[in-house]
Amino acid sequence: MGIVMPDKQRLKILFLCTGNACRSQMAQGWARHLKSDCIEAYSAGVTPVGVSTKAIQVMAEAGVDISSHTSKHVDDLLGIDFDYVITVCDYASQLCPIFPGKAKIFHRSFDDPYFAEGTTEEVLAQFRQVRDQIKAFVQTLPESLEDNAK
């Protein structure tokens, strides 16, 4: 994990998605688990619907506990001076509010497992696939942001 730096030295990153149910929650969980030495992670949605129990389940399988996470509306976090806002779905990217201050916007879309169909195991497989894609993305942070932010 490394040494945890004081908050003012860590990058404040908001992961934003539509419902703040799956993708942004997983990204926040991975960032806290893998990058807490350099990232202070948050998540929110443009229309929050509650954290998905399947997202909680597949993250727990990977050793990351997001069971205490709650869905938040992006407006609840507008007072935080973010360094980056990462939209993880196209809808949130289109509706992303203007953030005051220095926040740079970065878009990286992931499929939404919330609407996956099939047997329970097929749905969970889709959640696991997105979980692993998000983990791979978070592992590139924060270095990958500087070259691609708006």
N, C-alpha and C. Protein backbone atom coordinates (compact mmCIF):
# COMPACT_ATOMS: atom_id res chain seq x y z
N MET A 1 0.81 -1.20 0.00
CA MET A 1 0.00 0.00 0.00
C MET A 1 0.84 1.26 0.00
N GLY A 2 1.97 1.27 0.69
CA GLY A 2 2.79 2.47 0.75
C GLY A 2 2.36 3.39 1.86
N ILE A 3 3.05 4.47 1.98
CA ILE A 3 2.77 5.47 3.01
C ILE A 3 1.61 6.34 2.54
N VAL A 4 0.68 6.58 3.43
CA VAL A 4 -0.46 7.45 3.11
C VAL A 4 -0.04 8.89 3.33
N MET A 5 -0.19 9.69 2.27
CA MET A 5 0.17 11.11 2.35
C MET A 5 -0.99 11.89 2.94
N PRO A 6 -0.71 13.05 3.52
CA PRO A 6 -1.81 13.91 4.00
C PRO A 6 -2.77 14.22 2.85
N ASP A 7 -4.05 14.44 3.20
CA ASP A 7 -5.09 14.66 2.19
C ASP A 7 -4.72 15.73 1.18
N LYS A 8 -4.09 16.81 1.62
CA LYS A 8 -3.82 17.90 0.69
C LYS A 8 -2.80 17.50 -0.38
N GLN A 9 -2.07 16.41 -0.15
CA GLN A 9 -1.11 15.95 -1.15
C GLN A 9 -1.68 14.85 -2.04
N ARG A 10 -2.78 14.25 -1.61
CA ARG A 10 -3.42 13.23 -2.44
C ARG A 10 -4.36 13.91 -3.42
N LEU A 11 -4.50 13.33 -4.59
CA LEU A 11 -5.43 13.85 -5.59
C LEU A 11 -6.85 13.49 -5.17
N LYS A 12 -7.73 14.46 -5.23
CA LYS A 12 -9.15 14.21 -4.97
C LYS A 12 -9.80 13.87 -6.30
N ILE A 13 -10.31 12.64 -6.37
CA ILE A 13 -10.90 12.14 -7.61
C ILE A 13 -12.32 11.69 -7.36
N LEU A 14 -13.25 12.20 -8.18
CA LEU A 14 -14.64 11.80 -8.14
C LEU A 14 -14.92 10.88 -9.31
N PHE A 15 -15.45 9.70 -9.02
CA PHE A 15 -15.91 8.77 -10.06
C PHE A 15 -17.41 8.98 -10.19
N LEU A 16 -17.85 9.38 -11.37
CA LEU A 16 -19.24 9.78 -11.59
C LEU A 16 -19.90 8.86 -12.60
N CYS A 17 -21.10 8.38 -12.26
CA CYS A 17 -21.86 7.57 -13.19
C CYS A 17 -23.33 7.88 -13.03
N THR A 18 -24.18 7.18 -13.74
CA THR A 18 -25.60 7.52 -13.72
C THR A 18 -26.22 7.28 -12.35
N GLY A 19 -26.25 6.02 -11.91
CA GLY A 19 -26.97 5.68 -10.69
C GLY A 19 -26.13 5.56 -9.44
N ASN A 20 -24.81 5.65 -9.56
CA ASN A 20 -23.90 5.47 -8.43
C ASN A 20 -24.21 4.15 -7.74
N ALA A 21 -24.49 3.12 -8.58
CA ALA A 21 -24.87 1.81 -8.06
C ALA A 21 -23.77 0.77 -8.25
N CYS A 22 -23.05 0.84 -9.38
CA CYS A 22 -22.08 -0.22 -9.71
C CYS A 22 -20.71 0.35 -10.06
N ARG A 23 -20.60 0.91 -11.26
CA ARG A 23 -19.29 1.27 -11.81
C ARG A 23 -18.55 2.29 -10.98
N SER A 24 -19.21 3.37 -10.61
CA SER A 24 -18.53 4.40 -9.81
C SER A 24 -18.21 3.88 -8.41
N GLN A 25 -19.08 3.03 -7.88
CA GLN A 25 -18.83 2.44 -6.56
C GLN A 25 -17.62 1.51 -6.61
N MET A 26 -17.54 0.71 -7.67
CA MET A 26 -16.40 -0.19 -7.82
C MET A 26 -15.11 0.61 -7.99
N ALA A 27 -15.17 1.66 -8.79
CA ALA A 27 -13.98 2.49 -9.01
C ALA A 27 -13.52 3.14 -7.71
N GLN A 28 -14.46 3.65 -6.93
CA GLN A 28 -14.12 4.23 -5.63
C GLN A 28 -13.49 3.17 -4.74
N GLY A 29 -14.07 1.99 -4.71
CA GLY A 29 -13.54 0.90 -3.90
C GLY A 29 -12.14 0.50 -4.30
N TRP A 30 -11.92 0.35 -5.62
CA TRP A 30 -10.58 0.00 -6.10
C TRP A 30 -9.58 1.10 -5.80
N ALA A 31 -9.97 2.35 -6.01
CA ALA A 31 -9.03 3.46 -5.76
C ALA A 31 -8.64 3.51 -4.28
N ARG A 32 -9.60 3.30 -3.41
CA ARG A 32 -9.28 3.29 -1.98
C ARG A 32 -8.40 2.10 -1.63
N HIS A 33 -8.65 0.96 -2.26
CA HIS A 33 -7.91 -0.27 -1.97
C HIS A 33 -6.50 -0.24 -2.54
N LEU A 34 -6.36 0.25 -3.77
CA LEU A 34 -5.09 0.18 -4.48
C LEU A 34 -4.26 1.46 -4.45
N LYS A 35 -4.92 2.61 -4.30
CA LYS A 35 -4.23 3.88 -4.51
C LYS A 35 -4.44 4.88 -3.38
N SER A 36 -4.74 4.42 -2.19
CA SER A 36 -5.03 5.35 -1.09
C SER A 36 -3.83 6.20 -0.71
N ASP A 37 -2.65 5.81 -1.14
CA ASP A 37 -1.46 6.61 -0.86
C ASP A 37 -1.42 7.89 -1.68
N CYS A 38 -2.10 7.89 -2.85
CA CYS A 38 -2.02 9.05 -3.73
C CYS A 38 -3.38 9.58 -4.19
N ILE A 39 -4.47 8.87 -3.87
CA ILE A 39 -5.81 9.28 -4.32
C ILE A 39 -6.77 9.27 -3.14
N GLU A 40 -7.54 10.35 -3.01
CA GLU A 40 -8.68 10.42 -2.11
C GLU A 40 -9.91 10.24 -3.00
N ALA A 41 -10.53 9.07 -2.94
CA ALA A 41 -11.57 8.70 -3.89
C ALA A 41 -12.98 8.96 -3.37
N TYR A 42 -13.83 9.41 -4.29
CA TYR A 42 -15.24 9.66 -4.02
C TYR A 42 -16.03 9.07 -5.19
N SER A 43 -17.34 8.83 -4.98
CA SER A 43 -18.20 8.46 -6.10
C SER A 43 -19.55 9.11 -5.92
N ALA A 44 -20.23 9.32 -7.03
CA ALA A 44 -21.56 9.91 -7.02
C ALA A 44 -22.26 9.58 -8.33
N GLY A 45 -23.55 9.90 -8.38
CA GLY A 45 -24.33 9.67 -9.59
C GLY A 45 -25.15 10.89 -9.94
N VAL A 46 -25.61 10.94 -11.18
CA VAL A 46 -26.48 12.03 -11.60
C VAL A 46 -27.94 11.72 -11.23
N THR A 47 -28.27 10.43 -11.06
CA THR A 47 -29.57 10.00 -10.55
C THR A 47 -29.34 8.76 -9.67
N PRO A 48 -28.87 8.95 -8.43
CA PRO A 48 -28.50 7.81 -7.59
C PRO A 48 -29.67 6.88 -7.29
N VAL A 49 -29.39 5.57 -7.31
CA VAL A 49 -30.43 4.56 -7.12
C VAL A 49 -30.12 3.58 -5.99
N GLY A 50 -29.00 3.72 -5.33
CA GLY A 50 -28.62 2.77 -4.28
C GLY A 50 -27.52 1.85 -4.79
N VAL A 51 -26.69 1.37 -3.88
CA VAL A 51 -25.57 0.52 -4.26
C VAL A 51 -26.08 -0.89 -4.57
N SER A 52 -25.65 -1.43 -5.68
CA SER A 52 -26.05 -2.76 -6.12
C SER A 52 -25.47 -3.84 -5.22
N THR A 53 -26.33 -4.75 -4.78
CA THR A 53 -25.86 -5.87 -3.95
C THR A 53 -24.90 -6.76 -4.74
N LYS A 54 -25.10 -6.85 -6.04
CA LYS A 54 -24.18 -7.67 -6.85
C LYS A 54 -22.81 -7.00 -6.96
N ALA A 55 -22.77 -5.68 -7.03
CA ALA A 55 -21.48 -4.97 -7.03
C ALA A 55 -20.76 -5.22 -5.71
N ILE A 56 -21.50 -5.15 -4.61
CA ILE A 56 -20.91 -5.43 -3.30
C ILE A 56 -20.36 -6.85 -3.27
N GLN A 57 -21.13 -7.80 -3.80
CA GLN A 57 -20.73 -9.21 -3.79
C GLN A 57 -19.46 -9.46 -4.59
N VAL A 58 -19.40 -8.94 -5.83
CA VAL A 58 -18.22 -9.25 -6.66
C VAL A 58 -16.98 -8.50 -6.19
N MET A 59 -17.17 -7.34 -5.58
CA MET A 59 -16.01 -6.64 -5.01
C MET A 59 -15.49 -7.41 -3.79
N ALA A 60 -16.40 -7.94 -2.97
CA ALA A 60 -15.99 -8.74 -1.81
C ALA A 60 -15.21 -9.98 -2.26
N GLU A 61 -15.64 -10.58 -3.37
CA GLU A 61 -14.91 -11.73 -3.91
C GLU A 61 -13.46 -11.37 -4.23
N ALA A 62 -13.23 -10.12 -4.60
CA ALA A 62 -11.89 -9.64 -4.95
C ALA A 62 -11.16 -9.05 -3.74
N GLY A 63 -11.78 -9.12 -2.56
CA GLY A 63 -11.13 -8.64 -1.34
C GLY A 63 -11.33 -7.16 -1.04
N VAL A 64 -12.33 -6.54 -1.68
CA VAL A 64 -12.60 -5.11 -1.45
C VAL A 64 -14.01 -4.98 -0.90
N ASP A 65 -14.12 -4.40 0.29
CA ASP A 65 -15.41 -4.25 0.96
C ASP A 65 -16.00 -2.87 0.65
N ILE A 66 -17.10 -2.87 -0.13
CA ILE A 66 -17.81 -1.62 -0.40
C ILE A 66 -19.20 -1.64 0.23
N SER A 67 -19.41 -2.56 1.18
CA SER A 67 -20.74 -2.73 1.77
C SER A 67 -21.21 -1.51 2.56
N SER A 68 -20.29 -0.65 2.98
CA SER A 68 -20.69 0.55 3.72
C SER A 68 -20.89 1.76 2.81
N HIS A 69 -20.65 1.59 1.50
CA HIS A 69 -20.84 2.70 0.56
C HIS A 69 -22.33 3.04 0.45
N THR A 70 -22.62 4.29 0.18
CA THR A 70 -23.98 4.73 -0.09
C THR A 70 -23.99 5.50 -1.41
N SER A 71 -25.14 5.50 -2.07
CA SER A 71 -25.30 6.28 -3.30
C SER A 71 -25.47 7.75 -2.94
N LYS A 72 -24.74 8.58 -3.67
CA LYS A 72 -24.82 10.03 -3.45
C LYS A 72 -25.12 10.73 -4.77
N HIS A 73 -25.79 11.85 -4.66
CA HIS A 73 -26.02 12.69 -5.83
C HIS A 73 -24.80 13.58 -6.01
N VAL A 74 -24.43 13.81 -7.24
CA VAL A 74 -23.25 14.62 -7.53
C VAL A 74 -23.34 16.01 -6.88
N ASP A 75 -24.55 16.55 -6.79
CA ASP A 75 -24.71 17.87 -6.18
C ASP A 75 -24.27 17.90 -4.71
N ASP A 76 -24.34 16.73 -4.04
CA ASP A 76 -23.93 16.66 -2.63
C ASP A 76 -22.43 16.85 -2.46
N LEU A 77 -21.68 16.75 -3.54
CA LEU A 77 -20.22 16.83 -3.46
C LEU A 77 -19.64 18.06 -4.15
N LEU A 78 -20.50 18.97 -4.59
CA LEU A 78 -20.01 20.12 -5.35
C LEU A 78 -19.11 21.04 -4.54
N GLY A 79 -19.16 20.96 -3.23
CA GLY A 79 -18.30 21.81 -2.40
C GLY A 79 -16.87 21.30 -2.27
N ILE A 80 -16.60 20.12 -2.80
CA ILE A 80 -15.25 19.55 -2.70
C ILE A 80 -14.43 20.00 -3.91
N ASP A 81 -13.22 20.41 -3.66
CA ASP A 81 -12.33 20.91 -4.72
C ASP A 81 -11.60 19.72 -5.35
N PHE A 82 -12.26 19.07 -6.32
CA PHE A 82 -11.69 17.89 -6.96
C PHE A 82 -10.56 18.26 -7.92
N ASP A 83 -9.58 17.39 -8.00
CA ASP A 83 -8.53 17.52 -9.01
C ASP A 83 -9.02 16.95 -10.33
N TYR A 84 -9.74 15.81 -10.23
CA TYR A 84 -10.28 15.14 -11.42
C TYR A 84 -11.69 14.65 -11.15
N VAL A 85 -12.52 14.71 -12.19
CA VAL A 85 -13.82 14.07 -12.19
C VAL A 85 -13.77 13.07 -13.34
N ILE A 86 -13.93 11.79 -13.01
CA ILE A 86 -13.87 10.74 -14.02
C ILE A 86 -15.27 10.20 -14.23
N THR A 87 -15.82 10.44 -15.41
CA THR A 87 -17.13 9.88 -15.74
C THR A 87 -16.90 8.46 -16.26
N VAL A 88 -17.66 7.51 -15.71
CA VAL A 88 -17.45 6.11 -16.08
C VAL A 88 -18.62 5.56 -16.90
N CYS A 89 -19.48 6.47 -17.38
CA CYS A 89 -20.53 6.08 -18.32
C CYS A 89 -20.85 7.27 -19.21
N ASP A 90 -21.36 6.97 -20.39
CA ASP A 90 -21.63 8.02 -21.37
C ASP A 90 -22.71 9.00 -20.90
N TYR A 91 -23.74 8.49 -20.24
CA TYR A 91 -24.82 9.36 -19.78
C TYR A 91 -24.31 10.39 -18.78
N ALA A 92 -23.52 9.94 -17.82
CA ALA A 92 -22.96 10.87 -16.84
C ALA A 92 -22.03 11.87 -17.51
N SER A 93 -21.32 11.42 -18.54
CA SER A 93 -20.42 12.32 -19.26
C SER A 93 -21.21 13.46 -19.90
N GLN A 94 -22.37 13.14 -20.45
CA GLN A 94 -23.20 14.15 -21.10
C GLN A 94 -23.80 15.12 -20.09
N LEU A 95 -24.09 14.63 -18.87
CA LEU A 95 -24.75 15.46 -17.86
C LEU A 95 -23.80 16.01 -16.81
N CYS A 96 -22.52 15.76 -16.97
CA CYS A 96 -21.55 16.16 -15.96
C CYS A 96 -21.65 17.67 -15.71
N PRO A 97 -21.89 18.04 -14.46
CA PRO A 97 -21.98 19.47 -14.16
C PRO A 97 -20.62 20.15 -14.24
N ILE A 98 -20.64 21.44 -14.27
CA ILE A 98 -19.40 22.20 -14.23
C ILE A 98 -18.94 22.24 -12.78
N PHE A 99 -17.70 21.88 -12.57
CA PHE A 99 -17.15 21.91 -11.22
C PHE A 99 -16.30 23.17 -11.07
N PRO A 100 -16.54 23.90 -10.00
CA PRO A 100 -15.73 25.10 -9.77
C PRO A 100 -14.30 24.69 -9.45
N GLY A 101 -13.39 25.57 -9.69
CA GLY A 101 -12.00 25.29 -9.33
C GLY A 101 -11.24 24.61 -10.43
N LYS A 102 -10.33 23.77 -10.04
CA LYS A 102 -9.34 23.22 -10.95
C LYS A 102 -9.70 21.86 -11.56
N ALA A 103 -10.86 21.31 -11.24
CA ALA A 103 -11.19 19.94 -11.66
C ALA A 103 -11.06 19.75 -13.16
N LYS A 104 -10.33 18.71 -13.53
CA LYS A 104 -10.22 18.30 -14.93
C LYS A 104 -11.16 17.12 -15.12
N ILE A 105 -11.85 17.10 -16.26
CA ILE A 105 -12.81 16.05 -16.56
C ILE A 105 -12.14 14.99 -17.43
N PHE A 106 -12.35 13.74 -17.07
CA PHE A 106 -11.79 12.61 -17.80
C PHE A 106 -12.93 11.62 -18.01
N HIS A 107 -13.04 11.06 -19.22
CA HIS A 107 -14.12 10.11 -19.50
C HIS A 107 -13.54 8.74 -19.85
N ARG A 108 -14.04 7.73 -19.15
CA ARG A 108 -13.67 6.33 -19.44
C ARG A 108 -14.92 5.50 -19.20
N SER A 109 -15.58 5.13 -20.28
CA SER A 109 -16.86 4.44 -20.18
C SER A 109 -16.68 2.94 -19.99
N PHE A 110 -17.51 2.37 -19.13
CA PHE A 110 -17.57 0.93 -18.90
C PHE A 110 -19.01 0.47 -19.11
N ASP A 111 -19.19 -0.76 -19.59
CA ASP A 111 -20.54 -1.32 -19.72
C ASP A 111 -21.21 -1.34 -18.36
N ASP A 112 -22.53 -1.20 -18.35
CA ASP A 112 -23.28 -1.16 -17.10
C ASP A 112 -23.81 -2.55 -16.76
N PRO A 113 -23.22 -3.21 -15.76
CA PRO A 113 -23.70 -4.54 -15.40
C PRO A 113 -25.05 -4.52 -14.67
N TYR A 114 -25.47 -3.34 -14.23
CA TYR A 114 -26.74 -3.21 -13.50
C TYR A 114 -27.90 -3.76 -14.32
N PHE A 115 -27.81 -3.62 -15.64
CA PHE A 115 -28.89 -4.07 -16.52
C PHE A 115 -28.59 -5.40 -17.19
N ALA A 116 -27.59 -6.13 -16.68
CA ALA A 116 -27.24 -7.43 -17.27
C ALA A 116 -28.41 -8.40 -17.16
N GLU A 117 -28.54 -9.24 -18.16
CA GLU A 117 -29.62 -10.23 -18.18
C GLU A 117 -29.04 -11.63 -18.29
N GLY A 118 -29.84 -12.60 -17.90
CA GLY A 118 -29.42 -13.99 -17.98
C GLY A 118 -29.59 -14.66 -16.63
N THR A 119 -28.95 -15.82 -16.50
CA THR A 119 -29.00 -16.53 -15.24
C THR A 119 -28.21 -15.72 -14.20
N THR A 120 -28.38 -16.08 -12.95
CA THR A 120 -27.65 -15.40 -11.88
C THR A 120 -26.16 -15.46 -12.16
N GLU A 121 -25.67 -16.61 -12.56
CA GLU A 121 -24.23 -16.76 -12.81
C GLU A 121 -23.78 -15.93 -14.02
N GLU A 122 -24.62 -15.83 -15.05
CA GLU A 122 -24.27 -15.01 -16.22
C GLU A 122 -24.22 -13.52 -15.84
N VAL A 123 -25.17 -13.09 -15.02
CA VAL A 123 -25.19 -11.70 -14.58
C VAL A 123 -23.95 -11.41 -13.72
N LEU A 124 -23.65 -12.30 -12.79
CA LEU A 124 -22.47 -12.11 -11.95
C LEU A 124 -21.19 -12.11 -12.78
N ALA A 125 -21.16 -12.91 -13.83
CA ALA A 125 -19.98 -12.92 -14.72
C ALA A 125 -19.79 -11.55 -15.37
N GLN A 126 -20.89 -10.89 -15.74
CA GLN A 126 -20.79 -9.56 -16.32
C GLN A 126 -20.32 -8.55 -15.29
N PHE A 127 -20.80 -8.66 -14.06
CA PHE A 127 -20.33 -7.79 -12.98
C PHE A 127 -18.83 -8.00 -12.75
N ARG A 128 -18.39 -9.27 -12.76
CA ARG A 128 -16.97 -9.55 -12.53
C ARG A 128 -16.10 -8.99 -13.66
N GLN A 129 -16.60 -9.08 -14.88
CA GLN A 129 -15.84 -8.56 -16.02
C GLN A 129 -15.66 -7.05 -15.89
N VAL A 130 -16.72 -6.34 -15.57
CA VAL A 130 -16.63 -4.89 -15.40
C VAL A 130 -15.75 -4.56 -14.20
N ARG A 131 -15.90 -5.30 -13.11
CA ARG A 131 -15.05 -5.11 -11.93
C ARG A 131 -13.57 -5.18 -12.31
N ASP A 132 -13.23 -6.19 -13.09
CA ASP A 132 -11.82 -6.39 -13.47
C ASP A 132 -11.34 -5.31 -14.44
N GLN A 133 -12.22 -4.86 -15.33
CA GLN A 133 -11.85 -3.76 -16.24
C GLN A 133 -11.61 -2.48 -15.45
N ILE A 134 -12.45 -2.22 -14.47
CA ILE A 134 -12.28 -1.01 -13.65
C ILE A 134 -11.00 -1.11 -12.83
N LYS A 135 -10.72 -2.29 -12.28
CA LYS A 135 -9.48 -2.47 -11.53
C LYS A 135 -8.27 -2.14 -12.41
N ALA A 136 -8.26 -2.68 -13.63
CA ALA A 136 -7.14 -2.43 -14.54
C ALA A 136 -6.99 -0.94 -14.82
N PHE A 137 -8.12 -0.23 -14.99
CA PHE A 137 -8.08 1.21 -15.21
C PHE A 137 -7.53 1.94 -13.99
N VAL A 138 -8.04 1.62 -12.82
CA VAL A 138 -7.61 2.30 -11.59
C VAL A 138 -6.11 2.07 -11.35
N GLN A 139 -5.62 0.92 -11.74
CA GLN A 139 -4.19 0.65 -11.56
C GLN A 139 -3.32 1.61 -12.36
N THR A 140 -3.87 2.23 -13.40
CA THR A 140 -3.11 3.17 -14.23
C THR A 140 -3.12 4.59 -13.65
N LEU A 141 -3.92 4.80 -12.61
CA LEU A 141 -4.07 6.13 -12.03
C LEU A 141 -2.95 6.42 -11.05
N PRO A 142 -2.60 7.67 -10.87
CA PRO A 142 -3.12 8.87 -11.54
C PRO A 142 -2.39 9.20 -12.83
N GLU A 143 -1.32 8.45 -13.15
CA GLU A 143 -0.48 8.80 -14.29
C GLU A 143 -1.24 8.92 -15.59
N SER A 144 -2.22 8.03 -15.84
CA SER A 144 -2.95 8.04 -17.11
C SER A 144 -3.86 9.25 -17.27
N LEU A 145 -4.15 9.96 -16.20
CA LEU A 145 -5.08 11.08 -16.29
C LEU A 145 -4.48 12.31 -16.95
N GLU A 146 -3.25 12.59 -16.63
CA GLU A 146 -2.64 13.86 -17.06
C GLU A 146 -2.65 14.03 -18.57
N ASP A 147 -2.46 12.96 -19.31
CA ASP A 147 -2.38 13.07 -20.76
C ASP A 147 -3.74 13.14 -21.44
N ASN A 148 -4.80 12.76 -20.73
CA ASN A 148 -6.10 12.60 -21.39
C ASN A 148 -7.22 13.47 -20.84
N ALA A 149 -6.98 14.26 -19.83
CA ALA A 149 -8.04 15.07 -19.24
C ALA A 149 -8.37 16.28 -20.11
N LYS A 150 -9.62 16.72 -20.02
CA LYS A 150 -10.06 17.91 -20.76
C LYS A 150 -9.68 19.16 -20.01
